[in-house]
Amino acid sequence: MKTQCLKLAILLLVVLSLCVSAGVLLAAAEDPVVTGRLVVSQSALRPGDEFEIAFCGRVKPGCHIGAAQQKNVYPAQLTIQAPRIIQLGRIVYPKPAVKITSSGEALAVYEGNFVIKATARVRQSAKPGSVRLVGRFKSQGCTGNVCYPPEEFVAHLTVRIVPWGTVVKPTNKAVFGSRTGVGKLSGEQQFAKTLASRSLILQLLMLYAFGLLLAFTPCVYPMIPVTVGYFSAQGESQTRRVIALAGVYVLGIALTYSLLGTAAALTGSVFGELMQNRWVLAGISALLAILALSMFGLYEIRPPGFIEERASGRKGVLGALMMGLIFGVVAAPCVGPAVLGLMLYVAKLGSPVMGFILFFVLALGIGTPLFLLAAFSAKLPAAGMWMVAIRKAAGFLLLGAAAYFARSLVPGVFREFLIPAVVVAAGINFILFEASLLSNRKTAIASRVLGGLLLCAAAAMIARSYAPKQILRWEPYSFRALSQASENHVPVIVDFTADWCAVCKELERETFADPRVISEAQRFRRFRVDATDRSDPRVKAALERHSVKGFPTVILFDRSGREVPGARVVGFVDADQFLKLLRSVK
């Protein structure tokens, strides 16, 4: 009897112990092992901003959770949900602690407080308002050798989207540290903000002044000799006529530039995007070649009858306008902070009319030096046989421009010979066949000297293309490779380029080939995005992810994977400037 009572007591004790243990586990299940909150690195978000999101978690005292490592049975995992206007980047988990179990196994765990960070960017199309971020953290808590069922903790955060001109402040410095780029507007945003704060008259004056500066950018260089050659071949002596033709030329530039700029600003497309199309490049090259034939006397450009009647029978107007329209396209890809800022401003205005006017004034600034060039060139003496030589020189200049645009359409082995071939043809012409100069002893000497110089120049071009030189090596761009670089704490250079981009080639030839730049760049991972084919989904994703507006664009990232504030290069920079930027990246 006593034995039975003892067995019953033991059984009741076991059952009671199990009930108590179950109650403890149930109570623990009701009380989450992990709690936390979402925070962001700045007080508000602006279109185009890069920022950080963090989940600040806390593990209940006496417990631990498996770290975010695949070898754990149930690794910690954070997912962040955000609306489409927020582009989420890579999630970075903290370094885990090591816990030794009773069996001697080493586990990677999180205990106490921990912080998980993620990078993010606001799309340029974002409108002012509020956005809701949701963080879902999955984990399994354990205490000693007992583990609880897996659980999910959900944290919510509402963040304000403010207009692009607003200055914001860094927040949660204890989590993110001191971020030098927060609250600071980019160059184009600052320009757009400054433009918006001025009256219309001041806006127009500012844009005209910036246009004058843009007139000396690399995209305009090919226009200078062509402008001189074309207008010096017109043979006009009347001041009014000279000014009228130069004005029509600049009008063509302004019309093309303002139309392309307004379309780019209102649609968000890359400025000068038409220049990526091989058919467009082929068309421009062919048109320049056709214009060159007129300089060799094969035909004469005349406007239609009804236009000629209204213009009092003057000729050359259509040719001048056509030249301006063509070279307006040449100027369009030169993208600087002023143009990007104007694109932002026009996009915010939402007015195509104002966009056209503002870009038109900017283009007039670009065209002013060319107007002076055209007017001066047209006043050169053009009587007699001198006129024939000038016309043929203009023809060769136009053929050179056609070769310049056709370079990206031919295989690489022939690409470097196109322009030298035109120079050789011009040299041979002036040495052997230019009767307008060779008929006179003095002009014949000058013609042969000019031809010899041209042949030497062509030989130098070919020799330069084959001369051994150092180059900066690049890797194909991918999101994964970029993330791996930041995981390994290696700074990164990302170069956005395209075959049709003339400034990209100049950057490659002048800046990236500098031995000092090559040496300093060795401590960086170097990735290149070839945007020649804009229909490639990978190219589209990269352009959208990094908000690239024009070519060339070079972005620098520090060891933590953040873009270095104020170090983005848009357009051409010389080796000294680029070297200074590289040395500033730690």
Protein backbone atom coordinates (compact mmCIF):
# COMPACT_ATOMS: atom_id res chain seq x y z
CA MET A 1 0.00 0.00 0.00
CA LYS A 2 2.80 2.34 0.95
CA THR A 3 4.58 1.42 -2.29
CA GLN A 4 1.51 2.30 -4.37
CA CYS A 5 1.13 5.65 -2.55
CA LEU A 6 4.79 6.40 -3.18
CA LYS A 7 4.44 5.63 -6.89
CA LEU A 8 1.33 7.80 -7.08
CA ALA A 9 3.10 10.66 -5.35
CA ILE A 10 6.01 10.42 -7.76
CA LEU A 11 3.63 10.38 -10.73
CA LEU A 12 1.78 13.43 -9.41
CA LEU A 13 5.10 15.20 -8.89
CA VAL A 14 6.19 14.49 -12.48
CA VAL A 15 2.84 15.69 -13.85
CA LEU A 16 3.05 18.83 -11.72
CA SER A 17 6.59 19.49 -12.93
CA LEU A 18 5.52 19.09 -16.55
CA CYS A 19 2.61 21.46 -16.01
CA VAL A 20 4.88 24.03 -14.43
CA SER A 21 7.39 23.71 -17.29
CA ALA A 22 4.61 24.02 -19.86
CA GLY A 23 3.29 27.08 -18.05
CA VAL A 24 6.74 28.65 -18.11
CA LEU A 25 7.11 27.97 -21.82
CA LEU A 26 3.63 29.32 -22.57
CA ALA A 27 4.32 32.42 -20.54
CA ALA A 28 7.60 32.85 -22.39
CA ALA A 29 5.81 32.39 -25.70
CA GLU A 30 3.39 35.16 -24.78
CA ASP A 31 6.31 37.44 -23.84
CA PRO A 32 8.38 37.91 -27.08
CA VAL A 33 12.03 37.00 -26.87
CA VAL A 34 12.91 39.84 -29.26
CA THR A 35 11.43 43.33 -29.31
CA GLY A 36 12.63 46.30 -31.32
CA ARG A 37 11.91 49.39 -33.41
CA LEU A 38 12.69 50.81 -36.87
CA VAL A 39 14.61 54.08 -37.17
CA VAL A 40 16.01 56.10 -40.09
CA SER A 41 19.13 58.22 -40.35
CA GLN A 42 17.53 61.59 -41.13
CA SER A 43 14.55 63.68 -40.03
CA ALA A 44 12.79 63.49 -43.40
CA LEU A 45 13.42 62.15 -46.89
CA ARG A 46 13.81 64.05 -50.15
CA PRO A 47 13.63 62.77 -53.73
CA GLY A 48 17.04 61.36 -54.64
CA ASP A 49 18.22 61.01 -51.02
CA GLU A 50 20.30 58.06 -49.90
CA PHE A 51 19.66 57.13 -46.27
CA GLU A 52 19.87 54.24 -43.81
CA ILE A 53 17.23 52.18 -42.02
CA ALA A 54 18.01 50.29 -38.82
CA PHE A 55 16.16 47.70 -36.76
CA CYS A 56 17.22 48.23 -33.14
CA GLY A 57 16.45 44.91 -31.45
CA ARG A 58 16.66 43.70 -27.86
CA VAL A 59 16.86 40.06 -26.75
CA LYS A 60 15.15 39.28 -23.45
CA PRO A 61 17.64 38.89 -20.56
CA GLY A 62 18.77 35.30 -20.07
CA CYS A 63 17.98 34.43 -23.72
CA HIS A 64 19.81 34.38 -26.99
CA ILE A 65 18.81 33.97 -30.65
CA GLY A 66 20.62 32.38 -33.57
CA ALA A 67 22.61 34.90 -35.61
CA ALA A 68 22.08 35.47 -39.32
CA GLN A 69 24.31 32.62 -40.44
CA GLN A 70 23.25 29.74 -42.64
CA LYS A 71 24.79 27.09 -40.38
CA ASN A 72 22.29 27.97 -37.63
CA VAL A 73 19.15 25.85 -37.57
CA TYR A 74 16.96 28.95 -37.48
CA PRO A 75 19.05 32.04 -38.40
CA ALA A 76 17.78 35.55 -37.67
CA GLN A 77 16.23 37.24 -40.69
CA LEU A 78 15.06 40.82 -41.25
CA THR A 79 12.84 41.82 -44.17
CA ILE A 80 11.82 45.42 -44.81
CA GLN A 81 8.71 46.32 -46.75
CA ALA A 82 8.50 49.77 -48.37
CA PRO A 83 6.49 51.43 -51.15
CA ARG A 84 7.89 51.52 -54.70
CA ILE A 85 9.28 55.03 -54.29
CA ILE A 86 11.83 53.64 -51.82
CA GLN A 87 14.65 51.54 -53.29
CA LEU A 88 16.01 49.19 -50.65
CA GLY A 89 19.65 48.18 -50.64
CA ARG A 90 21.66 45.50 -48.87
CA ILE A 91 20.89 44.51 -45.26
CA VAL A 92 23.95 44.37 -42.99
CA TYR A 93 23.76 42.17 -39.87
CA PRO A 94 25.95 42.79 -36.80
CA LYS A 95 28.89 40.63 -35.85
CA PRO A 96 27.56 37.79 -33.64
CA ALA A 97 28.74 36.63 -30.25
CA VAL A 98 29.93 33.04 -29.73
CA LYS A 99 28.14 30.82 -27.19
CA ILE A 100 29.43 27.39 -26.15
CA THR A 101 26.70 24.83 -25.44
CA SER A 102 26.89 22.09 -22.77
CA SER A 103 27.91 19.68 -25.53
CA GLY A 104 30.87 21.91 -26.43
CA GLU A 105 29.34 23.21 -29.71
CA ALA A 106 30.06 26.86 -30.65
CA LEU A 107 26.96 28.82 -31.70
CA ALA A 108 26.83 32.27 -33.35
CA VAL A 109 24.19 34.20 -31.40
CA TYR A 110 22.82 37.65 -30.62
CA GLU A 111 22.31 38.63 -27.00
CA GLY A 112 21.12 41.85 -25.40
CA ASN A 113 20.91 44.82 -27.77
CA PHE A 114 21.77 44.53 -31.46
CA VAL A 115 21.35 46.71 -34.58
CA ILE A 116 20.68 45.60 -38.17
CA LYS A 117 21.16 48.25 -40.86
CA ALA A 118 20.06 48.64 -44.48
CA THR A 119 20.78 51.23 -47.15
CA ALA A 120 17.98 52.82 -49.15
CA ARG A 121 17.32 55.55 -51.72
CA VAL A 122 14.28 57.70 -52.49
CA ARG A 123 13.35 57.72 -56.17
CA GLN A 124 13.45 61.07 -57.97
CA SER A 125 9.75 60.69 -58.82
CA ALA A 126 8.68 60.65 -55.16
CA LYS A 127 6.01 63.17 -54.20
CA PRO A 128 5.72 64.91 -50.79
CA GLY A 129 3.70 62.92 -48.26
CA SER A 130 4.14 60.07 -45.81
CA VAL A 131 5.48 56.56 -46.39
CA ARG A 132 5.15 53.55 -44.12
CA LEU A 133 8.04 51.17 -43.55
CA VAL A 134 7.47 47.72 -42.07
CA GLY A 135 10.22 45.57 -40.59
CA ARG A 136 9.62 41.85 -39.99
CA PHE A 137 12.21 40.13 -37.81
CA LYS A 138 12.12 36.33 -37.61
CA SER A 139 14.17 34.46 -34.98
CA GLN A 140 14.18 31.59 -32.51
CA GLY A 141 14.94 32.32 -28.88
CA CYS A 142 16.72 29.93 -26.53
CA THR A 143 17.63 29.88 -22.86
CA GLY A 144 20.29 27.43 -21.78
CA ASN A 145 19.57 24.22 -23.70
CA VAL A 146 15.83 24.95 -24.09
CA CYS A 147 14.57 26.69 -27.26
CA TYR A 148 11.22 28.37 -27.82
CA PRO A 149 9.13 28.13 -30.99
CA PRO A 150 10.23 30.49 -33.82
CA GLU A 151 8.58 33.91 -33.66
CA GLU A 152 8.18 37.04 -35.76
CA PHE A 153 8.31 40.58 -34.42
CA VAL A 154 6.80 43.34 -36.60
CA ALA A 155 7.90 46.98 -36.30
CA HIS A 156 6.28 49.93 -38.09
CA LEU A 157 7.63 53.39 -38.94
CA THR A 158 6.09 56.34 -40.80
CA VAL A 159 8.48 58.77 -42.51
CA ARG A 160 7.78 62.07 -44.24
CA ILE A 161 8.75 62.77 -47.86
CA VAL A 162 9.53 66.47 -48.23
CA PRO A 163 10.20 68.62 -51.34
CA TRP A 164 13.66 68.31 -52.93
CA GLY A 165 14.77 71.78 -51.76
CA THR A 166 14.23 71.09 -48.05
CA VAL A 167 17.23 70.84 -45.72
CA VAL A 168 16.95 67.84 -43.40
CA LYS A 169 18.90 66.92 -40.27
CA PRO A 170 20.63 63.72 -39.15
CA THR A 171 18.78 61.71 -36.51
CA ASN A 172 19.56 58.71 -34.29
CA LYS A 173 23.27 59.53 -34.20
CA ALA A 174 23.83 56.88 -31.54
CA VAL A 175 22.79 54.28 -34.14
CA PHE A 176 24.19 55.70 -37.36
CA GLY A 177 27.02 57.90 -36.14
CA SER A 178 27.79 61.26 -37.70
CA ARG A 179 26.84 61.18 -41.39
CA THR A 180 28.47 64.10 -43.19
CA GLY A 181 26.24 63.88 -46.24
CA VAL A 182 22.89 64.17 -44.42
CA GLY A 183 21.18 67.52 -44.71
CA LYS A 184 23.49 68.58 -47.52
CA LEU A 185 21.98 69.13 -50.95
CA SER A 186 23.74 67.76 -54.01
CA GLY A 187 25.14 70.24 -56.53
CA GLU A 188 22.19 69.92 -58.90
CA GLN A 189 19.66 70.08 -56.04
CA GLN A 190 21.35 73.19 -54.67
CA PHE A 191 21.27 74.79 -58.12
CA ALA A 192 17.58 73.91 -58.52
CA LYS A 193 16.81 75.34 -55.07
CA THR A 194 18.72 78.53 -55.86
CA LEU A 195 16.92 78.84 -59.20
CA ALA A 196 13.50 78.37 -57.57
CA SER A 197 14.22 81.14 -55.05
CA ARG A 198 14.90 83.76 -57.76
CA SER A 199 12.56 85.87 -59.86
CA LEU A 200 11.96 84.94 -63.49
CA ILE A 201 14.30 87.68 -64.76
CA LEU A 202 17.12 86.51 -62.50
CA GLN A 203 16.46 82.89 -63.48
CA LEU A 204 16.87 83.78 -67.16
CA LEU A 205 20.07 85.76 -66.50
CA MET A 206 21.50 82.88 -64.43
CA LEU A 207 20.69 80.34 -67.12
CA TYR A 208 22.22 82.50 -69.85
CA ALA A 209 25.42 82.79 -67.79
CA PHE A 210 25.55 79.04 -67.21
CA GLY A 211 24.99 78.52 -70.93
CA LEU A 212 28.09 80.63 -71.64
CA LEU A 213 30.07 78.34 -69.34
CA LEU A 214 28.67 75.19 -70.97
CA ALA A 215 29.77 76.55 -74.36
CA PHE A 216 33.32 75.58 -73.39
CA THR A 217 32.54 71.94 -72.48
CA PRO A 218 34.03 69.09 -74.55
CA CYS A 219 30.83 68.32 -76.49
CA VAL A 220 31.02 71.75 -78.13
CA TYR A 221 34.66 71.45 -79.23
CA PRO A 222 33.89 69.68 -82.55
CA MET A 223 31.53 72.53 -83.44
CA ILE A 224 34.21 75.22 -83.36
CA PRO A 225 36.27 74.29 -86.47
CA VAL A 226 33.14 73.26 -88.36
CA THR A 227 31.48 76.60 -87.56
CA VAL A 228 34.52 78.52 -88.76
CA GLY A 229 34.84 76.45 -91.91
CA TYR A 230 31.17 76.50 -92.83
CA PHE A 231 30.56 80.22 -92.39
CA SER A 232 33.85 81.33 -93.88
CA ALA A 233 32.73 79.47 -97.02
CA GLN A 234 29.51 81.48 -97.28
CA GLY A 235 31.34 84.44 -98.82
CA GLU A 236 28.93 87.01 -97.37
CA SER A 237 30.09 90.62 -97.05
CA GLN A 238 26.92 92.41 -95.90
CA THR A 239 26.84 92.87 -92.14
CA ARG A 240 23.09 92.28 -91.88
CA ARG A 241 23.35 89.11 -93.91
CA VAL A 242 26.24 87.83 -91.79
CA ILE A 243 24.35 88.48 -88.54
CA ALA A 244 21.17 86.91 -89.95
CA LEU A 245 22.92 83.68 -90.96
CA ALA A 246 24.75 83.43 -87.63
CA GLY A 247 21.47 84.09 -85.82
CA VAL A 248 19.70 81.33 -87.75
CA TYR A 249 22.55 78.97 -86.90
CA VAL A 250 22.25 79.70 -83.17
CA LEU A 251 18.45 79.49 -83.43
CA GLY A 252 18.80 75.91 -84.72
CA ILE A 253 21.06 75.03 -81.78
CA ALA A 254 18.64 76.62 -79.29
CA LEU A 255 15.58 74.89 -80.75
CA THR A 256 17.14 71.44 -80.65
CA TYR A 257 18.68 71.89 -77.22
CA SER A 258 15.52 73.27 -75.62
CA LEU A 259 13.31 70.53 -77.10
CA LEU A 260 15.64 67.75 -75.99
CA GLY A 261 16.15 69.31 -72.57
CA THR A 262 12.45 69.83 -71.92
CA ALA A 263 11.62 66.28 -72.97
CA ALA A 264 14.35 64.91 -70.73
CA ALA A 265 13.24 66.97 -67.74
CA LEU A 266 9.56 66.10 -68.09
CA THR A 267 10.02 62.40 -68.80
CA GLY A 268 12.96 61.75 -66.49
CA SER A 269 15.00 60.25 -69.33
CA VAL A 270 18.73 60.64 -69.74
CA PHE A 271 19.71 63.94 -71.32
CA GLY A 272 20.80 63.40 -74.92
CA GLU A 273 19.33 59.88 -74.89
CA LEU A 274 18.73 59.93 -78.65
CA MET A 275 22.49 59.79 -79.10
CA GLN A 276 22.47 56.15 -78.01
CA ASN A 277 20.57 55.10 -81.13
CA ARG A 278 22.84 53.84 -83.89
CA TRP A 279 20.34 54.94 -86.54
CA VAL A 280 20.40 58.48 -85.17
CA LEU A 281 24.20 58.50 -85.21
CA ALA A 282 24.20 57.11 -88.74
CA GLY A 283 21.69 59.77 -89.82
CA ILE A 284 23.76 62.60 -88.36
CA SER A 285 26.91 61.26 -89.97
CA ALA A 286 25.20 60.91 -93.34
CA LEU A 287 23.72 64.40 -93.15
CA LEU A 288 27.12 65.91 -92.36
CA ALA A 289 28.62 64.04 -95.31
CA ILE A 290 25.86 65.37 -97.60
CA LEU A 291 26.52 68.91 -96.38
CA ALA A 292 30.23 68.33 -97.07
CA LEU A 293 29.45 67.43 -100.69
CA SER A 294 27.89 70.86 -101.14
CA MET A 295 31.21 72.40 -100.06
CA PHE A 296 32.93 70.48 -102.90
CA GLY A 297 30.52 71.99 -105.45
CA LEU A 298 28.36 68.93 -106.15
CA TYR A 299 25.19 70.90 -105.37
CA GLU A 300 24.00 74.07 -103.63
CA ILE A 301 21.70 74.21 -100.62
CA ARG A 302 18.73 76.45 -101.29
CA PRO A 303 15.55 76.87 -99.27
CA PRO A 304 12.15 75.97 -100.76
CA GLY A 305 10.62 78.55 -103.09
CA PHE A 306 8.06 79.95 -100.65
CA ILE A 307 10.75 80.42 -97.98
CA GLU A 308 13.15 81.94 -100.48
CA GLU A 309 10.51 84.45 -101.55
CA ARG A 310 9.85 85.50 -97.96
CA ALA A 311 13.57 85.77 -97.37
CA SER A 312 13.96 88.10 -100.38
CA GLY A 313 15.73 85.43 -102.36
CA ARG A 314 18.56 85.00 -99.88
CA LYS A 315 20.29 81.65 -99.94
CA GLY A 316 22.09 79.78 -97.20
CA VAL A 317 19.40 80.20 -94.54
CA LEU A 318 18.28 76.58 -94.68
CA GLY A 319 21.88 75.35 -94.55
CA ALA A 320 22.64 77.51 -91.51
CA LEU A 321 19.50 76.30 -89.73
CA MET A 322 20.29 72.68 -90.56
CA MET A 323 23.82 73.06 -89.20
CA GLY A 324 22.41 74.51 -85.98
CA LEU A 325 19.86 71.73 -85.59
CA ILE A 326 22.56 69.08 -86.05
CA PHE A 327 24.97 70.59 -83.60
CA GLY A 328 22.23 71.24 -81.08
CA VAL A 329 22.16 67.46 -80.82
CA VAL A 330 25.95 67.43 -80.48
CA ALA A 331 25.73 69.82 -77.52
CA ALA A 332 22.88 67.97 -75.78
CA PRO A 333 24.90 65.17 -74.12
CA CYS A 334 27.09 67.68 -72.21
CA VAL A 335 25.47 67.28 -68.82
CA GLY A 336 26.67 69.43 -65.94
CA PRO A 337 25.19 70.31 -62.54
CA ALA A 338 23.44 73.35 -64.07
CA VAL A 339 21.60 71.20 -66.63
CA LEU A 340 20.69 68.51 -64.09
CA GLY A 341 19.48 71.18 -61.68
CA LEU A 342 17.40 72.75 -64.42
CA MET A 343 15.95 69.33 -65.22
CA LEU A 344 14.89 68.92 -61.58
CA TYR A 345 13.39 72.41 -61.52
CA VAL A 346 11.45 71.99 -64.78
CA ALA A 347 10.18 68.57 -63.68
CA LYS A 348 8.83 70.15 -60.48
CA LEU A 349 7.20 73.01 -62.43
CA GLY A 350 5.40 70.56 -64.68
CA SER A 351 5.06 73.25 -67.37
CA PRO A 352 6.36 72.35 -70.85
CA VAL A 353 6.12 76.01 -71.90
CA MET A 354 8.31 77.24 -69.05
CA GLY A 355 10.62 74.28 -69.57
CA PHE A 356 11.04 75.25 -73.22
CA ILE A 357 11.71 78.91 -72.37
CA LEU A 358 14.25 78.12 -69.65
CA PHE A 359 16.17 75.63 -71.78
CA PHE A 360 15.97 78.00 -74.75
CA VAL A 361 17.70 80.74 -72.76
CA LEU A 362 20.33 78.27 -71.54
CA ALA A 363 20.93 77.25 -75.16
CA LEU A 364 21.25 80.88 -76.25
CA GLY A 365 24.08 81.20 -73.74
CA ILE A 366 25.72 78.14 -75.29
CA GLY A 367 25.20 79.59 -78.77
CA THR A 368 26.56 83.09 -78.11
CA PRO A 369 30.27 82.23 -78.59
CA LEU A 370 29.33 80.23 -81.67
CA PHE A 371 27.37 83.22 -82.98
CA LEU A 372 30.49 85.37 -82.68
CA LEU A 373 32.56 82.66 -84.35
CA ALA A 374 30.07 82.38 -87.20
CA ALA A 375 29.85 86.14 -87.70
CA PHE A 376 33.63 86.53 -87.65
CA SER A 377 34.19 83.56 -89.97
CA ALA A 378 31.65 84.82 -92.49
CA LYS A 379 33.50 88.14 -92.70
CA LEU A 380 36.73 86.51 -93.88
CA PRO A 381 37.69 87.62 -97.40
CA ALA A 382 36.24 85.18 -99.90
CA ALA A 383 36.82 86.67 -103.33
CA GLY A 384 38.40 84.82 -106.22
CA MET A 385 40.10 81.44 -105.94
CA TRP A 386 40.53 81.87 -102.16
CA MET A 387 36.81 81.15 -101.86
CA VAL A 388 37.21 77.74 -103.53
CA ALA A 389 39.95 76.67 -101.12
CA ILE A 390 37.93 77.81 -98.10
CA ARG A 391 34.88 75.89 -99.29
CA LYS A 392 36.89 72.70 -99.69
CA ALA A 393 38.50 73.15 -96.26
CA ALA A 394 34.98 73.47 -94.82
CA GLY A 395 34.02 70.31 -96.69
CA PHE A 396 36.87 68.35 -95.13
CA LEU A 397 35.90 69.70 -91.68
CA LEU A 398 32.35 68.45 -92.22
CA LEU A 399 33.67 65.06 -93.35
CA GLY A 400 35.77 64.94 -90.19
CA ALA A 401 32.67 65.62 -88.10
CA ALA A 402 30.83 62.86 -89.99
CA ALA A 403 33.69 60.46 -89.23
CA TYR A 404 33.56 61.53 -85.57
CA PHE A 405 29.91 60.40 -85.29
CA ALA A 406 30.46 57.29 -87.40
CA ARG A 407 33.27 55.94 -85.17
CA SER A 408 30.89 54.02 -82.89
CA LEU A 409 29.24 52.38 -85.93
CA VAL A 410 32.32 50.58 -87.24
CA PRO A 411 34.37 47.70 -85.81
CA GLY A 412 37.13 48.60 -83.37
CA VAL A 413 39.98 47.71 -85.76
CA PHE A 414 38.85 50.44 -88.23
CA ARG A 415 37.50 52.95 -85.71
CA GLU A 416 40.82 54.73 -85.11
CA PHE A 417 41.43 55.21 -88.85
CA LEU A 418 38.27 57.16 -89.79
CA ILE A 419 39.35 60.66 -88.76
CA PRO A 420 43.01 60.19 -89.82
CA ALA A 421 41.73 59.04 -93.24
CA VAL A 422 39.88 62.34 -93.70
CA VAL A 423 42.98 64.28 -92.59
CA VAL A 424 45.15 62.32 -95.06
CA ALA A 425 42.69 63.04 -97.89
CA ALA A 426 42.75 66.75 -97.04
CA GLY A 427 46.55 66.75 -96.92
CA ILE A 428 46.92 65.04 -100.30
CA ASN A 429 44.37 67.44 -101.80
CA PHE A 430 46.28 70.52 -100.68
CA ILE A 431 49.65 69.10 -101.80
CA LEU A 432 48.66 67.77 -105.25
CA PHE A 433 45.17 68.74 -106.41
CA GLU A 434 44.06 72.12 -105.01
CA ALA A 435 44.29 74.11 -108.24
CA SER A 436 42.89 77.25 -106.60
CA LEU A 437 46.10 77.52 -104.55
CA LEU A 438 48.68 75.65 -106.65
CA SER A 439 48.28 78.05 -109.61
CA ASN A 440 50.13 80.76 -107.71
CA ARG A 441 53.73 80.33 -106.50
CA LYS A 442 53.22 81.85 -103.03
CA THR A 443 49.89 80.17 -102.32
CA ALA A 444 51.26 76.88 -103.70
CA ILE A 445 53.99 76.90 -101.05
CA ALA A 446 51.43 77.62 -98.32
CA SER A 447 49.13 74.90 -99.67
CA ARG A 448 51.91 72.27 -99.71
CA VAL A 449 53.06 73.25 -96.22
CA LEU A 450 49.48 72.93 -94.96
CA GLY A 451 49.13 69.55 -96.67
CA GLY A 452 52.39 68.33 -95.13
CA LEU A 453 51.27 69.43 -91.67
CA LEU A 454 47.98 67.57 -92.16
CA LEU A 455 49.81 64.38 -93.15
CA CYS A 456 52.04 64.70 -90.08
CA ALA A 457 48.96 65.19 -87.91
CA ALA A 458 47.34 62.06 -89.35
CA ALA A 459 50.50 60.05 -88.72
CA ALA A 460 50.59 61.32 -85.12
CA MET A 461 46.94 60.28 -84.62
CA ILE A 462 47.63 56.75 -85.86
CA ALA A 463 50.85 56.45 -83.86
CA ARG A 464 49.06 57.61 -80.72
CA SER A 465 46.33 55.02 -81.14
CA TYR A 466 48.93 52.23 -81.37
CA ALA A 467 51.34 53.55 -78.76
CA PRO A 468 51.58 51.29 -75.69
CA LYS A 469 49.93 52.97 -72.71
CA GLN A 470 48.66 52.18 -69.28
CA ILE A 471 44.94 51.77 -68.90
CA LEU A 472 42.62 51.44 -65.95
CA ARG A 473 41.13 47.94 -65.80
CA TRP A 474 37.42 47.55 -65.04
CA GLU A 475 35.15 44.70 -63.94
CA PRO A 476 31.58 44.22 -65.19
CA TYR A 477 29.10 45.81 -62.81
CA SER A 478 26.64 43.77 -60.76
CA PHE A 479 24.69 44.39 -57.55
CA ARG A 480 26.26 41.28 -56.02
CA ALA A 481 29.83 42.39 -56.77
CA LEU A 482 29.12 45.83 -55.33
CA SER A 483 27.73 44.28 -52.14
CA GLN A 484 30.73 41.94 -51.84
CA ALA A 485 33.08 44.92 -52.04
CA SER A 486 31.34 46.66 -49.12
CA GLU A 487 31.30 43.39 -47.13
CA ASN A 488 35.07 43.22 -47.63
CA HIS A 489 35.41 46.91 -46.70
CA VAL A 490 36.90 47.88 -50.05
CA PRO A 491 36.07 51.30 -51.61
CA VAL A 492 34.49 51.23 -55.07
CA ILE A 493 34.50 53.24 -58.31
CA VAL A 494 31.51 52.75 -60.64
CA ASP A 495 31.85 54.25 -64.14
CA PHE A 496 28.76 54.71 -66.33
CA THR A 497 29.77 55.03 -69.97
CA ALA A 498 28.57 54.35 -73.53
CA ASP A 499 30.15 53.91 -76.97
CA TRP A 500 28.24 56.89 -78.36
CA CYS A 501 29.45 59.25 -75.60
CA ALA A 502 32.32 61.44 -76.85
CA VAL A 503 33.05 62.86 -73.39
CA CYS A 504 33.30 59.32 -72.00
CA LYS A 505 36.09 58.61 -74.48
CA GLU A 506 37.86 61.81 -73.48
CA LEU A 507 37.59 60.85 -69.81
CA GLU A 508 39.02 57.42 -70.65
CA ARG A 509 41.82 58.87 -72.75
CA GLU A 510 42.86 61.82 -70.59
CA THR A 511 41.89 61.11 -66.98
CA PHE A 512 41.71 57.34 -66.55
CA ALA A 513 45.02 56.91 -68.41
CA ASP A 514 46.93 59.21 -66.07
CA PRO A 515 49.56 57.14 -64.17
CA ARG A 516 48.74 58.89 -60.87
CA VAL A 517 45.04 58.04 -61.22
CA ILE A 518 45.85 54.44 -62.14
CA SER A 519 48.10 54.09 -59.10
CA GLU A 520 45.58 55.58 -56.64
CA ALA A 521 42.71 53.57 -58.12
CA GLN A 522 44.41 50.26 -57.33
CA ARG A 523 42.97 50.29 -53.79
CA PHE A 524 39.43 50.46 -55.24
CA ARG A 525 37.22 47.81 -56.82
CA ARG A 526 36.42 49.27 -60.23
CA PHE A 527 33.12 48.46 -61.95
CA ARG A 528 31.88 49.70 -65.31
CA VAL A 529 28.31 49.95 -66.62
CA ASP A 530 28.28 49.98 -70.43
CA ALA A 531 25.02 51.77 -71.27
CA THR A 532 25.43 51.61 -75.04
CA ASP A 533 22.42 49.28 -75.16
CA ARG A 534 19.85 51.00 -72.95
CA SER A 535 17.33 48.22 -73.59
CA ASP A 536 19.40 45.81 -71.46
CA PRO A 537 17.42 45.19 -68.23
CA ARG A 538 20.63 45.11 -66.18
CA VAL A 539 21.63 48.52 -67.51
CA LYS A 540 18.17 49.93 -66.78
CA ALA A 541 18.29 48.57 -63.24
CA ALA A 542 21.75 50.05 -62.60
CA LEU A 543 20.78 53.47 -63.98
CA GLU A 544 17.63 53.54 -61.88
CA ARG A 545 19.30 52.24 -58.74
CA HIS A 546 21.98 54.94 -58.81
CA SER A 547 19.80 57.73 -60.31
CA VAL A 548 22.16 58.31 -63.24
CA LYS A 549 21.06 61.25 -65.41
CA GLY A 550 23.78 61.53 -68.03
CA PHE A 551 27.07 60.19 -69.31
CA PRO A 552 29.76 59.94 -68.25
CA THR A 553 28.90 59.53 -64.55
CA VAL A 554 31.43 58.23 -62.03
CA ILE A 555 30.29 57.30 -58.49
CA LEU A 556 32.61 56.70 -55.57
CA PHE A 557 31.69 54.48 -52.60
CA ASP A 558 33.57 54.32 -49.30
CA ARG A 559 34.55 51.15 -47.40
CA SER A 560 31.10 50.86 -45.80
CA GLY A 561 29.36 50.83 -49.18
CA ARG A 562 27.96 54.38 -48.94
CA GLU A 563 28.21 56.80 -51.85
CA VAL A 564 30.67 59.54 -50.91
CA PRO A 565 28.67 62.80 -50.60
CA GLY A 566 29.62 65.46 -53.13
CA ALA A 567 32.06 63.18 -54.98
CA ARG A 568 29.83 62.12 -57.90
CA VAL A 569 31.41 63.09 -61.23
CA VAL A 570 29.06 64.07 -64.08
CA GLY A 571 30.84 65.02 -67.29
CA PHE A 572 34.56 65.49 -67.82
CA VAL A 573 37.06 66.15 -65.02
CA ASP A 574 40.80 66.32 -65.46
CA ALA A 575 43.25 63.97 -63.76
CA ASP A 576 44.10 66.41 -60.95
CA GLN A 577 40.45 66.86 -59.93
CA PHE A 578 39.69 63.15 -60.10
CA LEU A 579 42.84 62.28 -58.16
CA LYS A 580 41.76 64.66 -55.39
CA LEU A 581 38.36 62.92 -55.20
CA LEU A 582 39.98 59.48 -55.04
CA ARG A 583 42.30 60.52 -52.22
CA SER A 584 39.34 61.86 -50.21
CA VAL A 585 37.74 58.38 -50.08
CA LYS A 586 38.72 56.43 -46.97
